């Protein structure tokens, strides 16, 4: 498993992360967990056909000010 991200200081240079912290409300963390579990199942079902999914496309309540979360194979 690898985790990648952009910093607010440099949003054009994708970096591999050695550690991340998720800070949010109970409701936000549940939404993230549900999103990840949903697309883990989609990935299992679709195999190599699965490319990626964005939380902002899937969770309508996801505030545009929140960081984007993308799951990919």
PDB file of N, CA and C in Angstrom:
ATOM      1  N   UNK A   1       0.841  -1.171   0.000  1.00  0.00           N
ATOM      2  CA  UNK A   1       0.000   0.000   0.000  1.00  0.00           C
ATOM      3  C   UNK A   1       0.887   1.234   0.000  1.00  0.00           C
ATOM      4  N   UNK A   2       0.460   2.211  -0.770  1.00  0.00           N
ATOM      5  CA  UNK A   2       1.145   3.498  -0.793  1.00  0.00           C
ATOM      6  C   UNK A   2       0.099   4.586  -0.611  1.00  0.00           C
ATOM      7  N   UNK A   3       0.517   5.682  -0.019  1.00  0.00           N
ATOM      8  CA  UNK A   3      -0.353   6.849   0.154  1.00  0.00           C
ATOM      9  C   UNK A   3       0.368   8.033  -0.464  1.00  0.00           C
ATOM     10  N   UNK A   4      -0.355   8.758  -1.306  1.00  0.00           N
ATOM     11  CA  UNK A   4       0.202   9.932  -1.976  1.00  0.00           C
ATOM     12  C   UNK A   4      -0.613  11.154  -1.601  1.00  0.00           C
ATOM     13  N   UNK A   5      -0.008  12.320  -1.750  1.00  0.00           N
ATOM     14  CA  UNK A   5      -0.755  13.536  -1.475  1.00  0.00           C
ATOM     15  C   UNK A   5      -0.021  14.773  -1.937  1.00  0.00           C
ATOM     16  N   UNK A   6      -0.756  15.846  -1.886  1.00  0.00           N
ATOM     17  CA  UNK A   6      -0.233  17.181  -2.182  1.00  0.00           C
ATOM     18  C   UNK A   6      -0.293  18.000  -0.901  1.00  0.00           C
ATOM     19  N   UNK A   7       0.636  18.910  -0.758  1.00  0.00           N
ATOM     20  CA  UNK A   7       0.561  19.841   0.363  1.00  0.00           C
ATOM     21  C   UNK A   7      -0.100  21.126  -0.112  1.00  0.00           C
ATOM     22  N   UNK A   8      -0.645  21.889   0.818  1.00  0.00           N
ATOM     23  CA  UNK A   8      -1.237  23.175   0.438  1.00  0.00           C
ATOM     24  C   UNK A   8      -0.170  24.117  -0.108  1.00  0.00           C
ATOM     25  N   UNK A   9       1.065  23.946   0.345  1.00  0.00           N
ATOM     26  CA  UNK A   9       2.160  24.786  -0.124  1.00  0.00           C
ATOM     27  C   UNK A   9       2.595  24.432  -1.542  1.00  0.00           C
ATOM     28  N   UNK A  10       2.344  23.178  -1.961  1.00  0.00           N
ATOM     29  CA  UNK A  10       2.770  22.755  -3.295  1.00  0.00           C
ATOM     30  C   UNK A  10       1.757  21.748  -3.837  1.00  0.00           C
ATOM     31  N   UNK A  11       0.696  22.256  -4.441  1.00  0.00           N
ATOM     32  CA  UNK A  11      -0.379  21.411  -4.936  1.00  0.00           C
ATOM     33  C   UNK A  11      -0.117  20.851  -6.329  1.00  0.00           C
ATOM     34  N   UNK A  12       1.102  21.012  -6.829  1.00  0.00           N
ATOM     35  CA  UNK A  12       1.409  20.482  -8.162  1.00  0.00           C
ATOM     36  C   UNK A  12       2.446  19.366  -8.119  1.00  0.00           C
ATOM     37  N   UNK A  13       2.948  19.037  -6.939  1.00  0.00           N
ATOM     38  CA  UNK A  13       4.000  18.037  -6.821  1.00  0.00           C
ATOM     39  C   UNK A  13       3.512  16.885  -5.943  1.00  0.00           C
ATOM     40  N   UNK A  14       3.043  15.802  -6.574  1.00  0.00           N
ATOM     41  CA  UNK A  14       2.538  14.644  -5.851  1.00  0.00           C
ATOM     42  C   UNK A  14       3.673  13.979  -5.080  1.00  0.00           C
ATOM     43  N   UNK A  15       3.444  13.746  -3.795  1.00  0.00           N
ATOM     44  CA  UNK A  15       4.463  13.168  -2.929  1.00  0.00           C
ATOM     45  C   UNK A  15       3.965  11.871  -2.302  1.00  0.00           C
ATOM     46  N   UNK A  16       4.851  10.896  -2.132  1.00  0.00           N
ATOM     47  CA  UNK A  16       4.507   9.703  -1.373  1.00  0.00           C
ATOM     48  C   UNK A  16       4.615  10.051   0.112  1.00  0.00           C
ATOM     49  N   UNK A  17       3.590   9.723   0.874  1.00  0.00           N
ATOM     50  CA  UNK A  17       3.534  10.059   2.287  1.00  0.00           C
ATOM     51  C   UNK A  17       4.052   8.894   3.122  1.00  0.00           C
ATOM     52  N   UNK A  18       4.749   9.200   4.187  1.00  0.00           N
ATOM     53  CA  UNK A  18       5.183   8.167   5.123  1.00  0.00           C
ATOM     54  C   UNK A  18       4.202   8.041   6.277  1.00  0.00           C
ATOM     55  N   UNK A  19       3.380   9.055   6.466  1.00  0.00           N
ATOM     56  CA  UNK A  19       2.393   9.054   7.545  1.00  0.00           C
ATOM     57  C   UNK A  19       1.317  10.063   7.218  1.00  0.00           C
ATOM     58  N   UNK A  20       0.079   9.745   7.588  1.00  0.00           N
ATOM     59  CA  UNK A  20      -1.006  10.710   7.466  1.00  0.00           C
ATOM     60  C   UNK A  20      -1.810  10.697   8.763  1.00  0.00           C
ATOM     61  N   UNK A  21      -2.494  11.781   9.030  1.00  0.00           N
ATOM     62  CA  UNK A  21      -3.412  11.878  10.163  1.00  0.00           C
ATOM     63  C   UNK A  21      -4.743  12.342   9.626  1.00  0.00           C
ATOM     64  N   UNK A  22      -5.821  11.720  10.082  1.00  0.00           N
ATOM     65  CA  UNK A  22      -7.161  12.137   9.698  1.00  0.00           C
ATOM     66  C   UNK A  22      -7.793  12.833  10.897  1.00  0.00           C
ATOM     67  N   UNK A  23      -8.140  14.090  10.726  1.00  0.00           N
ATOM     68  CA  UNK A  23      -8.773  14.851  11.793  1.00  0.00           C
ATOM     69  C   UNK A  23     -10.156  15.243  11.309  1.00  0.00           C
ATOM     70  N   UNK A  24     -11.173  14.809  12.011  1.00  0.00           N
ATOM     71  CA  UNK A  24     -12.532  15.132  11.601  1.00  0.00           C
ATOM     72  C   UNK A  24     -13.519  14.733  12.669  1.00  0.00           C
ATOM     73  N   UNK A  25     -14.758  15.048  12.399  1.00  0.00           N
ATOM     74  CA  UNK A  25     -15.828  14.677  13.319  1.00  0.00           C
ATOM     75  C   UNK A  25     -16.122  13.189  13.174  1.00  0.00           C
ATOM     76  N   UNK A  26     -16.888  12.674  14.095  1.00  0.00           N
ATOM     77  CA  UNK A  26     -17.331  11.285  14.012  1.00  0.00           C
ATOM     78  C   UNK A  26     -18.026  11.047  12.681  1.00  0.00           C
ATOM     79  N   UNK A  27     -18.933  11.936  12.313  1.00  0.00           N
ATOM     80  CA  UNK A  27     -19.701  11.780  11.077  1.00  0.00           C
ATOM     81  C   UNK A  27     -18.799  11.790   9.845  1.00  0.00           C
ATOM     82  N   UNK A  28     -17.819  12.677   9.821  1.00  0.00           N
ATOM     83  CA  UNK A  28     -16.900  12.745   8.687  1.00  0.00           C
ATOM     84  C   UNK A  28     -16.053  11.480   8.577  1.00  0.00           C
ATOM     85  N   UNK A  29     -15.572  10.979   9.705  1.00  0.00           N
ATOM     86  CA  UNK A  29     -14.756   9.764   9.686  1.00  0.00           C
ATOM     87  C   UNK A  29     -15.583   8.552   9.269  1.00  0.00           C
ATOM     88  N   UNK A  30     -16.846   8.510   9.658  1.00  0.00           N
ATOM     89  CA  UNK A  30     -17.723   7.425   9.210  1.00  0.00           C
ATOM     90  C   UNK A  30     -17.919   7.503   7.700  1.00  0.00           C
ATOM     91  N   UNK A  31     -18.141   8.716   7.165  1.00  0.00           N
ATOM     92  CA  UNK A  31     -18.309   8.881   5.711  1.00  0.00           C
ATOM     93  C   UNK A  31     -17.066   8.398   4.966  1.00  0.00           C
ATOM     94  N   UNK A  32     -15.893   8.743   5.463  1.00  0.00           N
ATOM     95  CA  UNK A  32     -14.642   8.299   4.837  1.00  0.00           C
ATOM     96  C   UNK A  32     -14.550   6.781   4.878  1.00  0.00           C
ATOM     97  N   UNK A  33     -14.846   6.200   6.028  1.00  0.00           N
ATOM     98  CA  UNK A  33     -14.788   4.738   6.174  1.00  0.00           C
ATOM     99  C   UNK A  33     -15.754   4.050   5.227  1.00  0.00           C
ATOM    100  N   UNK A  34     -16.970   4.552   5.133  1.00  0.00           N
ATOM    101  CA  UNK A  34     -17.972   3.960   4.240  1.00  0.00           C
ATOM    102  C   UNK A  34     -17.524   4.063   2.788  1.00  0.00           C
ATOM    103  N   UNK A  35     -16.968   5.198   2.416  1.00  0.00           N
ATOM    104  CA  UNK A  35     -16.463   5.405   1.054  1.00  0.00           C
ATOM    105  C   UNK A  35     -15.371   4.392   0.728  1.00  0.00           C
ATOM    106  N   UNK A  36     -14.408   4.236   1.627  1.00  0.00           N
ATOM    107  CA  UNK A  36     -13.306   3.304   1.392  1.00  0.00           C
ATOM    108  C   UNK A  36     -13.820   1.873   1.300  1.00  0.00           C
ATOM    109  N   UNK A  37     -14.693   1.485   2.205  1.00  0.00           N
ATOM    110  CA  UNK A  37     -15.237   0.120   2.168  1.00  0.00           C
ATOM    111  C   UNK A  37     -16.038  -0.136   0.897  1.00  0.00           C
ATOM    112  N   UNK A  38     -16.828   0.848   0.488  1.00  0.00           N
ATOM    113  CA  UNK A  38     -17.629   0.701  -0.731  1.00  0.00           C
ATOM    114  C   UNK A  38     -16.730   0.431  -1.936  1.00  0.00           C
ATOM    115  N   UNK A  39     -15.675   1.228  -2.072  1.00  0.00           N
ATOM    116  CA  UNK A  39     -14.827   1.082  -3.253  1.00  0.00           C
ATOM    117  C   UNK A  39     -13.837  -0.065  -3.133  1.00  0.00           C
ATOM    118  N   UNK A  40     -13.562  -0.553  -1.938  1.00  0.00           N
ATOM    119  CA  UNK A  40     -12.798  -1.793  -1.792  1.00  0.00           C
ATOM    120  C   UNK A  40     -13.607  -2.945  -2.368  1.00  0.00           C
ATOM    121  N   UNK A  41     -14.920  -2.943  -2.120  1.00  0.00           N
ATOM    122  CA  UNK A  41     -15.795  -3.970  -2.686  1.00  0.00           C
ATOM    123  C   UNK A  41     -15.897  -3.837  -4.207  1.00  0.00           C
ATOM    124  N   UNK A  42     -16.007  -2.601  -4.695  1.00  0.00           N
ATOM    125  CA  UNK A  42     -16.053  -2.380  -6.142  1.00  0.00           C
ATOM    126  C   UNK A  42     -14.745  -2.870  -6.772  1.00  0.00           C
ATOM    127  N   UNK A  43     -13.626  -2.568  -6.135  1.00  0.00           N
ATOM    128  CA  UNK A  43     -12.314  -2.998  -6.637  1.00  0.00           C
ATOM    129  C   UNK A  43     -12.236  -4.522  -6.684  1.00  0.00           C
ATOM    130  N   UNK A  44     -12.724  -5.182  -5.634  1.00  0.00           N
ATOM    131  CA  UNK A  44     -12.719  -6.642  -5.597  1.00  0.00           C
ATOM    132  C   UNK A  44     -13.565  -7.208  -6.732  1.00  0.00           C
ATOM    133  N   UNK A  45     -14.735  -6.617  -6.964  1.00  0.00           N
ATOM    134  CA  UNK A  45     -15.665  -7.108  -7.984  1.00  0.00           C
ATOM    135  C   UNK A  45     -15.158  -6.828  -9.399  1.00  0.00           C
ATOM    136  N   UNK A  46     -14.619  -5.633  -9.634  1.00  0.00           N
ATOM    137  CA  UNK A  46     -14.237  -5.217 -10.985  1.00  0.00           C
ATOM    138  C   UNK A  46     -12.800  -5.563 -11.354  1.00  0.00           C
ATOM    139  N   UNK A  47     -11.990  -5.869 -10.374  1.00  0.00           N
ATOM    140  CA  UNK A  47     -10.594  -6.214 -10.651  1.00  0.00           C
ATOM    141  C   UNK A  47      -9.864  -5.100 -11.372  1.00  0.00           C
ATOM    142  N   UNK A  48      -9.180  -5.442 -12.443  1.00  0.00           N
ATOM    143  CA  UNK A  48      -8.362  -4.470 -13.181  1.00  0.00           C
ATOM    144  C   UNK A  48      -9.181  -3.406 -13.906  1.00  0.00           C
ATOM    145  N   UNK A  49     -10.483  -3.599 -14.020  1.00  0.00           N
ATOM    146  CA  UNK A  49     -11.325  -2.571 -14.655  1.00  0.00           C
ATOM    147  C   UNK A  49     -11.494  -1.350 -13.756  1.00  0.00           C
ATOM    148  N   UNK A  50     -11.320  -1.533 -12.445  1.00  0.00           N
ATOM    149  CA  UNK A  50     -11.450  -0.408 -11.519  1.00  0.00           C
ATOM    150  C   UNK A  50     -10.241   0.507 -11.651  1.00  0.00           C
ATOM    151  N   UNK A  51     -10.498   1.785 -11.801  1.00  0.00           N
ATOM    152  CA  UNK A  51      -9.399   2.756 -11.883  1.00  0.00           C
ATOM    153  C   UNK A  51      -9.275   3.549 -10.589  1.00  0.00           C
ATOM    154  N   UNK A  52     -10.280   4.375 -10.295  1.00  0.00           N
ATOM    155  CA  UNK A  52     -10.241   5.173  -9.081  1.00  0.00           C
ATOM    156  C   UNK A  52     -11.623   5.773  -8.808  1.00  0.00           C
ATOM    157  N   UNK A  53     -11.782   6.293  -7.591  1.00  0.00           N
ATOM    158  CA  UNK A  53     -13.024   6.958  -7.204  1.00  0.00           C
ATOM    159  C   UNK A  53     -12.679   8.142  -6.303  1.00  0.00           C
ATOM    160  N   UNK A  54     -13.424   9.239  -6.471  1.00  0.00           N
ATOM    161  CA  UNK A  54     -13.238  10.457  -5.691  1.00  0.00           C
ATOM    162  C   UNK A  54     -14.368  10.581  -4.678  1.00  0.00           C
ATOM    163  N   UNK A  55     -14.022  10.903  -3.448  1.00  0.00           N
ATOM    164  CA  UNK A  55     -15.057  11.044  -2.429  1.00  0.00           C
ATOM    165  C   UNK A  55     -16.024  12.184  -2.762  1.00  0.00           C
ATOM    166  N   UNK A  56     -15.518  13.260  -3.368  1.00  0.00           N
ATOM    167  CA  UNK A  56     -16.390  14.400  -3.703  1.00  0.00           C
ATOM    168  C   UNK A  56     -17.426  14.034  -4.758  1.00  0.00           C
ATOM    169  N   UNK A  57     -17.150  13.021  -5.581  1.00  0.00           N
ATOM    170  CA  UNK A  57     -18.114  12.561  -6.576  1.00  0.00           C
ATOM    171  C   UNK A  57     -19.127  11.603  -5.970  1.00  0.00           C
ATOM    172  N   UNK A  58     -18.764  10.976  -4.867  1.00  0.00           N
ATOM    173  CA  UNK A  58     -19.581   9.906  -4.303  1.00  0.00           C
ATOM    174  C   UNK A  58     -20.389  10.343  -3.080  1.00  0.00           C
ATOM    175  N   UNK A  59     -19.828  11.189  -2.250  1.00  0.00           N
ATOM    176  CA  UNK A  59     -20.480  11.623  -1.015  1.00  0.00           C
ATOM    177  C   UNK A  59     -20.954  13.060  -1.216  1.00  0.00           C
ATOM    178  N   UNK A  60     -22.230  13.210  -1.474  1.00  0.00           N
ATOM    179  CA  UNK A  60     -22.781  14.531  -1.826  1.00  0.00           C
ATOM    180  C   UNK A  60     -22.605  15.558  -0.708  1.00  0.00           C
ATOM    181  N   UNK A  61     -22.547  15.082   0.548  1.00  0.00           N
ATOM    182  CA  UNK A  61     -22.391  16.006   1.677  1.00  0.00           C
ATOM    183  C   UNK A  61     -20.941  16.461   1.868  1.00  0.00           C
ATOM    184  N   UNK A  62     -20.026  15.933   1.065  1.00  0.00           N
ATOM    185  CA  UNK A  62     -18.616  16.268   1.241  1.00  0.00           C
ATOM    186  C   UNK A  62     -18.399  17.722   0.879  1.00  0.00           C
ATOM    187  N   UNK A  63     -18.000  18.505   1.835  1.00  0.00           N
ATOM    188  CA  UNK A  63     -17.814  19.948   1.667  1.00  0.00           C
ATOM    189  C   UNK A  63     -16.646  20.220   0.724  1.00  0.00           C
ATOM    190  N   UNK A  64     -16.825  21.137  -0.192  1.00  0.00           N
ATOM    191  CA  UNK A  64     -15.778  21.471  -1.173  1.00  0.00           C
ATOM    192  C   UNK A  64     -14.504  21.979  -0.491  1.00  0.00           C
ATOM    193  N   UNK A  65     -14.611  22.437   0.746  1.00  0.00           N
ATOM    194  CA  UNK A  65     -13.432  22.922   1.474  1.00  0.00           C
ATOM    195  C   UNK A  65     -12.606  21.780   2.061  1.00  0.00           C
ATOM    196  N   UNK A  66     -13.172  20.567   2.111  1.00  0.00           N
ATOM    197  CA  UNK A  66     -12.459  19.422   2.671  1.00  0.00           C
ATOM    198  C   UNK A  66     -11.452  18.899   1.653  1.00  0.00           C
ATOM    199  N   UNK A  67     -10.400  18.236   2.121  1.00  0.00           N
ATOM    200  CA  UNK A  67      -9.450  17.622   1.176  1.00  0.00           C
ATOM    201  C   UNK A  67     -10.132  16.543   0.349  1.00  0.00           C
ATOM    202  N   UNK A  68      -9.703  16.410  -0.881  1.00  0.00           N
ATOM    203  CA  UNK A  68     -10.194  15.350  -1.751  1.00  0.00           C
ATOM    204  C   UNK A  68      -9.573  14.039  -1.288  1.00  0.00           C
ATOM    205  N   UNK A  69     -10.358  12.978  -1.327  1.00  0.00           N
ATOM    206  CA  UNK A  69      -9.859  11.640  -1.024  1.00  0.00           C
ATOM    207  C   UNK A  69     -10.137  10.783  -2.250  1.00  0.00           C
ATOM    208  N   UNK A  70      -9.105  10.113  -2.741  1.00  0.00           N
ATOM    209  CA  UNK A  70      -9.217   9.286  -3.932  1.00  0.00           C
ATOM    210  C   UNK A  70      -8.717   7.897  -3.575  1.00  0.00           C
ATOM    211  N   UNK A  71      -9.474   6.881  -3.945  1.00  0.00           N
ATOM    212  CA  UNK A  71      -8.986   5.511  -3.795  1.00  0.00           C
ATOM    213  C   UNK A  71      -8.680   4.980  -5.185  1.00  0.00           C
ATOM    214  N   UNK A  72      -7.581   4.243  -5.296  1.00  0.00           N
ATOM    215  CA  UNK A  72      -7.186   3.679  -6.599  1.00  0.00           C
ATOM    216  C   UNK A  72      -6.508   2.347  -6.373  1.00  0.00           C
ATOM    217  N   UNK A  73      -6.415   1.618  -7.444  1.00  0.00           N
ATOM    218  CA  UNK A  73      -5.777   0.313  -7.396  1.00  0.00           C
ATOM    219  C   UNK A  73      -4.299   0.448  -7.662  1.00  0.00           C
TER     220      UNK A  73
END
